[in-house]
Structure formats: structure tokens, C-alpha cells
PDB file of all heavy atoms in Angstrom:
ATOM      1  N   PHE A   1     -11.932  -4.262  14.951  1.00  0.00           N
ATOM      2  CA  PHE A   1     -11.906  -3.116  14.046  1.00  0.00           C
ATOM      3  C   PHE A   1     -10.566  -2.383  14.080  1.00  0.00           C
ATOM      4  O   PHE A   1      -9.993  -2.066  13.040  1.00  0.00           O
ATOM      5  CB  PHE A   1     -13.037  -2.143  14.407  1.00  0.00           C
ATOM      6  CG  PHE A   1     -13.096  -0.917  13.543  1.00  0.00           C
ATOM      7  CD1 PHE A   1     -13.827  -0.910  12.371  1.00  0.00           C
ATOM      8  CD2 PHE A   1     -12.401   0.237  13.902  1.00  0.00           C
ATOM      9  CE1 PHE A   1     -13.874   0.230  11.569  1.00  0.00           C
ATOM     10  CE2 PHE A   1     -12.436   1.376  13.101  1.00  0.00           C
ATOM     11  CZ  PHE A   1     -13.182   1.371  11.936  1.00  0.00           C
ATOM     12  N   ASP A   2     -10.058  -2.099  15.285  1.00  0.00           N
ATOM     13  CA  ASP A   2      -8.833  -1.305  15.411  1.00  0.00           C
ATOM     14  C   ASP A   2      -7.629  -2.000  14.769  1.00  0.00           C
ATOM     15  O   ASP A   2      -6.858  -1.373  14.030  1.00  0.00           O
ATOM     16  CB  ASP A   2      -8.546  -1.013  16.885  1.00  0.00           C
ATOM     17  CG  ASP A   2      -9.572  -0.063  17.491  1.00  0.00           C
ATOM     18  OD1 ASP A   2     -10.188   0.690  16.722  1.00  0.00           O
ATOM     19  OD2 ASP A   2      -9.758  -0.089  18.718  1.00  0.00           O
ATOM     20  N   SER A   3      -7.458  -3.296  15.060  1.00  0.00           N
ATOM     21  CA  SER A   3      -6.328  -4.027  14.479  1.00  0.00           C
ATOM     22  C   SER A   3      -6.472  -4.143  12.963  1.00  0.00           C
ATOM     23  O   SER A   3      -5.492  -4.027  12.224  1.00  0.00           O
ATOM     24  CB  SER A   3      -6.228  -5.430  15.100  1.00  0.00           C
ATOM     25  OG  SER A   3      -5.862  -5.348  16.457  1.00  0.00           O
ATOM     26  N   SER A   4      -7.700  -4.365  12.517  1.00  0.00           N
ATOM     27  CA  SER A   4      -7.939  -4.485  11.081  1.00  0.00           C
ATOM     28  C   SER A   4      -7.572  -3.190  10.358  1.00  0.00           C
ATOM     29  O   SER A   4      -6.846  -3.210   9.364  1.00  0.00           O
ATOM     30  CB  SER A   4      -9.411  -4.820  10.823  1.00  0.00           C
ATOM     31  OG  SER A   4      -9.657  -4.920   9.435  1.00  0.00           O
ATOM     32  N   LYS A   5      -8.052  -2.073  10.864  1.00  0.00           N
ATOM     33  CA  LYS A   5      -7.756  -0.788  10.222  1.00  0.00           C
ATOM     34  C   LYS A   5      -6.264  -0.468  10.286  1.00  0.00           C
ATOM     35  O   LYS A   5      -5.697   0.106   9.355  1.00  0.00           O
ATOM     36  CB  LYS A   5      -8.565   0.333  10.872  1.00  0.00           C
ATOM     37  CG  LYS A   5      -8.493   1.633  10.076  1.00  0.00           C
ATOM     38  CD  LYS A   5      -9.392   2.706  10.665  1.00  0.00           C
ATOM     39  CE  LYS A   5      -9.302   3.974   9.826  1.00  0.00           C
ATOM     40  NZ  LYS A   5     -10.128   5.058  10.401  1.00  0.00           N
ATOM     41  N   TYR A   6      -5.623  -0.852  11.381  1.00  0.00           N
ATOM     42  CA  TYR A   6      -4.181  -0.623  11.532  1.00  0.00           C
ATOM     43  C   TYR A   6      -3.404  -1.311  10.410  1.00  0.00           C
ATOM     44  O   TYR A   6      -2.571  -0.678   9.742  1.00  0.00           O
ATOM     45  CB  TYR A   6      -3.725  -1.151  12.894  1.00  0.00           C
ATOM     46  CG  TYR A   6      -2.223  -1.183  13.079  1.00  0.00           C
ATOM     47  CD1 TYR A   6      -1.521  -0.031  13.383  1.00  0.00           C
ATOM     48  CD2 TYR A   6      -1.517  -2.380  12.952  1.00  0.00           C
ATOM     49  CE1 TYR A   6      -0.130  -0.064  13.546  1.00  0.00           C
ATOM     50  CE2 TYR A   6      -0.126  -2.420  13.111  1.00  0.00           C
ATOM     51  CZ  TYR A   6       0.546  -1.265  13.405  1.00  0.00           C
ATOM     52  OH  TYR A   6       1.906  -1.288  13.561  1.00  0.00           O
ATOM     53  N   TYR A   7      -3.677  -2.591  10.196  1.00  0.00           N
ATOM     54  CA  TYR A   7      -2.948  -3.340   9.166  1.00  0.00           C
ATOM     55  C   TYR A   7      -3.331  -2.906   7.748  1.00  0.00           C
ATOM     56  O   TYR A   7      -2.463  -2.807   6.870  1.00  0.00           O
ATOM     57  CB  TYR A   7      -3.170  -4.837   9.344  1.00  0.00           C
ATOM     58  CG  TYR A   7      -2.361  -5.422  10.477  1.00  0.00           C
ATOM     59  CD1 TYR A   7      -2.977  -5.825  11.659  1.00  0.00           C
ATOM     60  CD2 TYR A   7      -0.980  -5.546  10.377  1.00  0.00           C
ATOM     61  CE1 TYR A   7      -2.230  -6.347  12.710  1.00  0.00           C
ATOM     62  CE2 TYR A   7      -0.229  -6.065  11.421  1.00  0.00           C
ATOM     63  CZ  TYR A   7      -0.850  -6.454  12.582  1.00  0.00           C
ATOM     64  OH  TYR A   7      -0.098  -6.963  13.624  1.00  0.00           O
ATOM     65  N   LEU A   8      -4.602  -2.632   7.526  1.00  0.00           N
ATOM     66  CA  LEU A   8      -5.026  -2.192   6.194  1.00  0.00           C
ATOM     67  C   LEU A   8      -4.410  -0.831   5.860  1.00  0.00           C
ATOM     68  O   LEU A   8      -4.013  -0.586   4.712  1.00  0.00           O
ATOM     69  CB  LEU A   8      -6.551  -2.120   6.121  1.00  0.00           C
ATOM     70  CG  LEU A   8      -7.273  -3.469   6.153  1.00  0.00           C
ATOM     71  CD1 LEU A   8      -8.783  -3.261   6.259  1.00  0.00           C
ATOM     72  CD2 LEU A   8      -6.947  -4.304   4.920  1.00  0.00           C
ATOM     73  N   SER A   9      -4.310   0.032   6.854  1.00  0.00           N
ATOM     74  CA  SER A   9      -3.700   1.357   6.629  1.00  0.00           C
ATOM     75  C   SER A   9      -2.216   1.225   6.296  1.00  0.00           C
ATOM     76  O   SER A   9      -1.681   1.960   5.449  1.00  0.00           O
ATOM     77  CB  SER A   9      -3.888   2.244   7.865  1.00  0.00           C
ATOM     78  OG  SER A   9      -5.256   2.483   8.102  1.00  0.00           O
ATOM     79  N   LYS A  10      -1.533   0.292   6.950  1.00  0.00           N
ATOM     80  CA  LYS A  10      -0.113   0.059   6.647  1.00  0.00           C
ATOM     81  C   LYS A  10       0.041  -0.489   5.227  1.00  0.00           C
ATOM     82  O   LYS A  10       1.009  -0.159   4.523  1.00  0.00           O
ATOM     83  CB  LYS A  10       0.489  -0.916   7.674  1.00  0.00           C
ATOM     84  CG  LYS A  10       0.682  -0.312   9.054  1.00  0.00           C
ATOM     85  CD  LYS A  10       1.160  -1.321  10.073  1.00  0.00           C
ATOM     86  CE  LYS A  10       2.638  -1.647   9.907  1.00  0.00           C
ATOM     87  NZ  LYS A  10       3.515  -0.537  10.311  1.00  0.00           N
ATOM     88  N   ALA A  11      -0.904  -1.336   4.803  1.00  0.00           N
ATOM     89  CA  ALA A  11      -0.866  -1.854   3.438  1.00  0.00           C
ATOM     90  C   ALA A  11      -1.046  -0.720   2.431  1.00  0.00           C
ATOM     91  O   ALA A  11      -0.365  -0.683   1.395  1.00  0.00           O
ATOM     92  CB  ALA A  11      -1.963  -2.903   3.245  1.00  0.00           C
ATOM     93  N   LEU A  12      -1.940   0.225   2.733  1.00  0.00           N
ATOM     94  CA  LEU A  12      -2.166   1.371   1.843  1.00  0.00           C
ATOM     95  C   LEU A  12      -0.900   2.195   1.652  1.00  0.00           C
ATOM     96  O   LEU A  12      -0.593   2.625   0.529  1.00  0.00           O
ATOM     97  CB  LEU A  12      -3.268   2.274   2.404  1.00  0.00           C
ATOM     98  CG  LEU A  12      -4.724   1.860   2.202  1.00  0.00           C
ATOM     99  CD1 LEU A  12      -5.642   2.920   2.799  1.00  0.00           C
ATOM    100  CD2 LEU A  12      -5.043   1.652   0.731  1.00  0.00           C
ATOM    101  N   ILE A  13      -0.166   2.419   2.729  1.00  0.00           N
ATOM    102  CA  ILE A  13       1.047   3.244   2.656  1.00  0.00           C
ATOM    103  C   ILE A  13       2.066   2.622   1.702  1.00  0.00           C
ATOM    104  O   ILE A  13       2.634   3.312   0.839  1.00  0.00           O
ATOM    105  CB  ILE A  13       1.665   3.417   4.060  1.00  0.00           C
ATOM    106  CG1 ILE A  13       0.738   4.264   4.936  1.00  0.00           C
ATOM    107  CG2 ILE A  13       3.049   4.058   3.965  1.00  0.00           C
ATOM    108  CD1 ILE A  13       1.143   4.312   6.395  1.00  0.00           C
ATOM    109  N   ILE A  14       2.295   1.332   1.853  1.00  0.00           N
ATOM    110  CA  ILE A  14       3.275   0.658   0.990  1.00  0.00           C
ATOM    111  C   ILE A  14       2.794   0.621  -0.446  1.00  0.00           C
ATOM    112  O   ILE A  14       3.558   0.873  -1.391  1.00  0.00           O
ATOM    113  CB  ILE A  14       3.560  -0.770   1.503  1.00  0.00           C
ATOM    114  CG1 ILE A  14       4.193  -0.723   2.889  1.00  0.00           C
ATOM    115  CG2 ILE A  14       4.470  -1.517   0.522  1.00  0.00           C
ATOM    116  CD1 ILE A  14       4.423  -2.087   3.503  1.00  0.00           C
ATOM    117  N   ARG A  15       1.518   0.318  -0.647  1.00  0.00           N
ATOM    118  CA  ARG A  15       0.992   0.226  -2.011  1.00  0.00           C
ATOM    119  C   ARG A  15       0.961   1.578  -2.705  1.00  0.00           C
ATOM    120  O   ARG A  15       1.157   1.658  -3.919  1.00  0.00           O
ATOM    121  CB  ARG A  15      -0.387  -0.427  -1.974  1.00  0.00           C
ATOM    122  CG  ARG A  15      -0.277  -1.927  -1.753  1.00  0.00           C
ATOM    123  CD  ARG A  15      -1.568  -2.646  -1.544  1.00  0.00           C
ATOM    124  NE  ARG A  15      -1.312  -4.097  -1.585  1.00  0.00           N
ATOM    125  CZ  ARG A  15      -2.154  -5.019  -1.168  1.00  0.00           C
ATOM    126  NH1 ARG A  15      -3.339  -4.658  -0.675  1.00  0.00           N
ATOM    127  NH2 ARG A  15      -1.839  -6.304  -1.240  1.00  0.00           N
ATOM    128  N   ALA A  16       0.747   2.642  -1.943  1.00  0.00           N
ATOM    129  CA  ALA A  16       0.789   3.985  -2.520  1.00  0.00           C
ATOM    130  C   ALA A  16       2.181   4.279  -3.066  1.00  0.00           C
ATOM    131  O   ALA A  16       2.339   4.888  -4.131  1.00  0.00           O
ATOM    132  CB  ALA A  16       0.389   5.025  -1.479  1.00  0.00           C
ATOM    133  N   ALA A  17       3.199   3.835  -2.337  1.00  0.00           N
ATOM    134  CA  ALA A  17       4.586   4.030  -2.792  1.00  0.00           C
ATOM    135  C   ALA A  17       4.871   3.191  -4.032  1.00  0.00           C
ATOM    136  O   ALA A  17       5.516   3.668  -4.981  1.00  0.00           O
ATOM    137  CB  ALA A  17       5.548   3.669  -1.665  1.00  0.00           C
ATOM    138  N   LEU A  18       4.389   1.950  -4.040  1.00  0.00           N
ATOM    139  CA  LEU A  18       4.624   1.064  -5.180  1.00  0.00           C
ATOM    140  C   LEU A  18       3.891   1.534  -6.441  1.00  0.00           C
ATOM    141  O   LEU A  18       4.315   1.225  -7.563  1.00  0.00           O
ATOM    142  CB  LEU A  18       4.181  -0.364  -4.834  1.00  0.00           C
ATOM    143  CG  LEU A  18       5.028  -1.086  -3.782  1.00  0.00           C
ATOM    144  CD1 LEU A  18       4.387  -2.420  -3.406  1.00  0.00           C
ATOM    145  CD2 LEU A  18       6.447  -1.318  -4.316  1.00  0.00           C
ATOM    146  N   MET A  19       2.820   2.279  -6.268  1.00  0.00           N
ATOM    147  CA  MET A  19       2.080   2.812  -7.415  1.00  0.00           C
ATOM    148  C   MET A  19       2.926   3.791  -8.229  1.00  0.00           C
ATOM    149  O   MET A  19       2.645   4.051  -9.390  1.00  0.00           O
ATOM    150  CB  MET A  19       0.804   3.504  -6.937  1.00  0.00           C
ATOM    151  CG  MET A  19      -0.294   2.543  -6.501  1.00  0.00           C
ATOM    152  SD  MET A  19      -1.631   3.341  -5.563  1.00  0.00           S
ATOM    153  CE  MET A  19      -2.315   4.453  -6.798  1.00  0.00           C
ATOM    154  N   LYS A  20       3.975   4.311  -7.598  1.00  0.00           N
ATOM    155  CA  LYS A  20       4.858   5.268  -8.269  1.00  0.00           C
ATOM    156  C   LYS A  20       6.069   4.591  -8.911  1.00  0.00           C
ATOM    157  O   LYS A  20       6.965   5.255  -9.429  1.00  0.00           O
ATOM    158  CB  LYS A  20       5.338   6.313  -7.265  1.00  0.00           C
ATOM    159  CG  LYS A  20       4.207   7.107  -6.621  1.00  0.00           C
ATOM    160  CD  LYS A  20       4.734   8.035  -5.538  1.00  0.00           C
ATOM    161  CE  LYS A  20       3.595   8.768  -4.832  1.00  0.00           C
ATOM    162  NZ  LYS A  20       4.109   9.638  -3.741  1.00  0.00           N
ATOM    163  N   SER A  21       6.097   3.266  -8.875  1.00  0.00           N
ATOM    164  CA  SER A  21       7.223   2.519  -9.432  1.00  0.00           C
ATOM    165  C   SER A  21       7.391   2.789 -10.925  1.00  0.00           C
ATOM    166  O   SER A  21       6.422   2.969 -11.662  1.00  0.00           O
ATOM    167  CB  SER A  21       7.005   1.015  -9.209  1.00  0.00           C
ATOM    168  OG  SER A  21       7.985   0.261  -9.882  1.00  0.00           O
ATOM    169  N   LYS A  22       8.641   2.815 -11.372  1.00  0.00           N
ATOM    170  CA  LYS A  22       8.924   2.994 -12.796  1.00  0.00           C
ATOM    171  C   LYS A  22       8.566   1.743 -13.592  1.00  0.00           C
ATOM    172  O   LYS A  22       8.381   1.808 -14.808  1.00  0.00           O
ATOM    173  CB  LYS A  22      10.401   3.341 -12.990  1.00  0.00           C
ATOM    174  CG  LYS A  22      10.790   4.703 -12.412  1.00  0.00           C
ATOM    175  CD  LYS A  22      12.260   5.002 -12.633  1.00  0.00           C
ATOM    176  CE  LYS A  22      12.633   6.364 -12.053  1.00  0.00           C
ATOM    177  NZ  LYS A  22      14.082   6.667 -12.255  1.00  0.00           N
ATOM    178  N   ASP A  23       8.502   0.621 -12.899  1.00  0.00           N
ATOM    179  CA  ASP A  23       8.075  -0.622 -13.531  1.00  0.00           C
ATOM    180  C   ASP A  23       6.547  -0.575 -13.663  1.00  0.00           C
ATOM    181  O   ASP A  23       5.818  -0.633 -12.664  1.00  0.00           O
ATOM    182  CB  ASP A  23       8.498  -1.817 -12.664  1.00  0.00           C
ATOM    183  CG  ASP A  23       8.215  -3.160 -13.331  1.00  0.00           C
ATOM    184  OD1 ASP A  23       7.180  -3.278 -14.013  1.00  0.00           O
ATOM    185  OD2 ASP A  23       9.008  -4.094 -13.136  1.00  0.00           O
ATOM    186  N   LYS A  24       6.050  -0.471 -14.883  1.00  0.00           N
ATOM    187  CA  LYS A  24       4.615  -0.281 -15.108  1.00  0.00           C
ATOM    188  C   LYS A  24       3.768  -1.439 -14.574  1.00  0.00           C
ATOM    189  O   LYS A  24       2.664  -1.232 -14.073  1.00  0.00           O
ATOM    190  CB  LYS A  24       4.341  -0.080 -16.599  1.00  0.00           C
ATOM    191  CG  LYS A  24       4.872   1.241 -17.134  1.00  0.00           C
ATOM    192  CD  LYS A  24       4.499   1.433 -18.601  1.00  0.00           C
ATOM    193  CE  LYS A  24       4.992   2.778 -19.118  1.00  0.00           C
ATOM    194  NZ  LYS A  24       4.640   2.990 -20.551  1.00  0.00           N
ATOM    195  N   SER A  25       4.289  -2.655 -14.694  1.00  0.00           N
ATOM    196  CA  SER A  25       3.525  -3.812 -14.215  1.00  0.00           C
ATOM    197  C   SER A  25       3.401  -3.783 -12.691  1.00  0.00           C
ATOM    198  O   SER A  25       2.345  -4.104 -12.136  1.00  0.00           O
ATOM    199  CB  SER A  25       4.174  -5.120 -14.673  1.00  0.00           C
ATOM    200  OG  SER A  25       5.475  -5.257 -14.129  1.00  0.00           O
ATOM    201  N   VAL A  26       4.480  -3.366 -12.013  1.00  0.00           N
ATOM    202  CA  VAL A  26       4.466  -3.250 -10.555  1.00  0.00           C
ATOM    203  C   VAL A  26       3.483  -2.157 -10.137  1.00  0.00           C
ATOM    204  O   VAL A  26       2.677  -2.336  -9.221  1.00  0.00           O
ATOM    205  CB  VAL A  26       5.874  -2.936 -10.006  1.00  0.00           C
ATOM    206  CG1 VAL A  26       5.806  -2.581  -8.520  1.00  0.00           C
ATOM    207  CG2 VAL A  26       6.798  -4.129 -10.219  1.00  0.00           C
ATOM    208  N   ALA A  27       3.553  -1.022 -10.833  1.00  0.00           N
ATOM    209  CA  ALA A  27       2.682   0.110 -10.513  1.00  0.00           C
ATOM    210  C   ALA A  27       1.210  -0.234 -10.735  1.00  0.00           C
ATOM    211  O   ALA A  27       0.350   0.106  -9.908  1.00  0.00           O
ATOM    212  CB  ALA A  27       3.069   1.311 -11.368  1.00  0.00           C
TER     213      ALA A  27
END
């Protein structure tokens, strides 16, 4: 559980940033 949540949380951080991309397809 701990390792899984650790990696999934790191994925969320990066994807949250990419959601703000000016490239609409990327976002």
C-alpha cells in the first residue's frame, strides 16, 4: 500500500502540472 500510494501520488503531481499546459491535447 505505502509504495503504491507513493508512486501514484507522484504521478498526480506531474499530471496536475501538465493539465495546465497551453497545448490543449496535452492538457
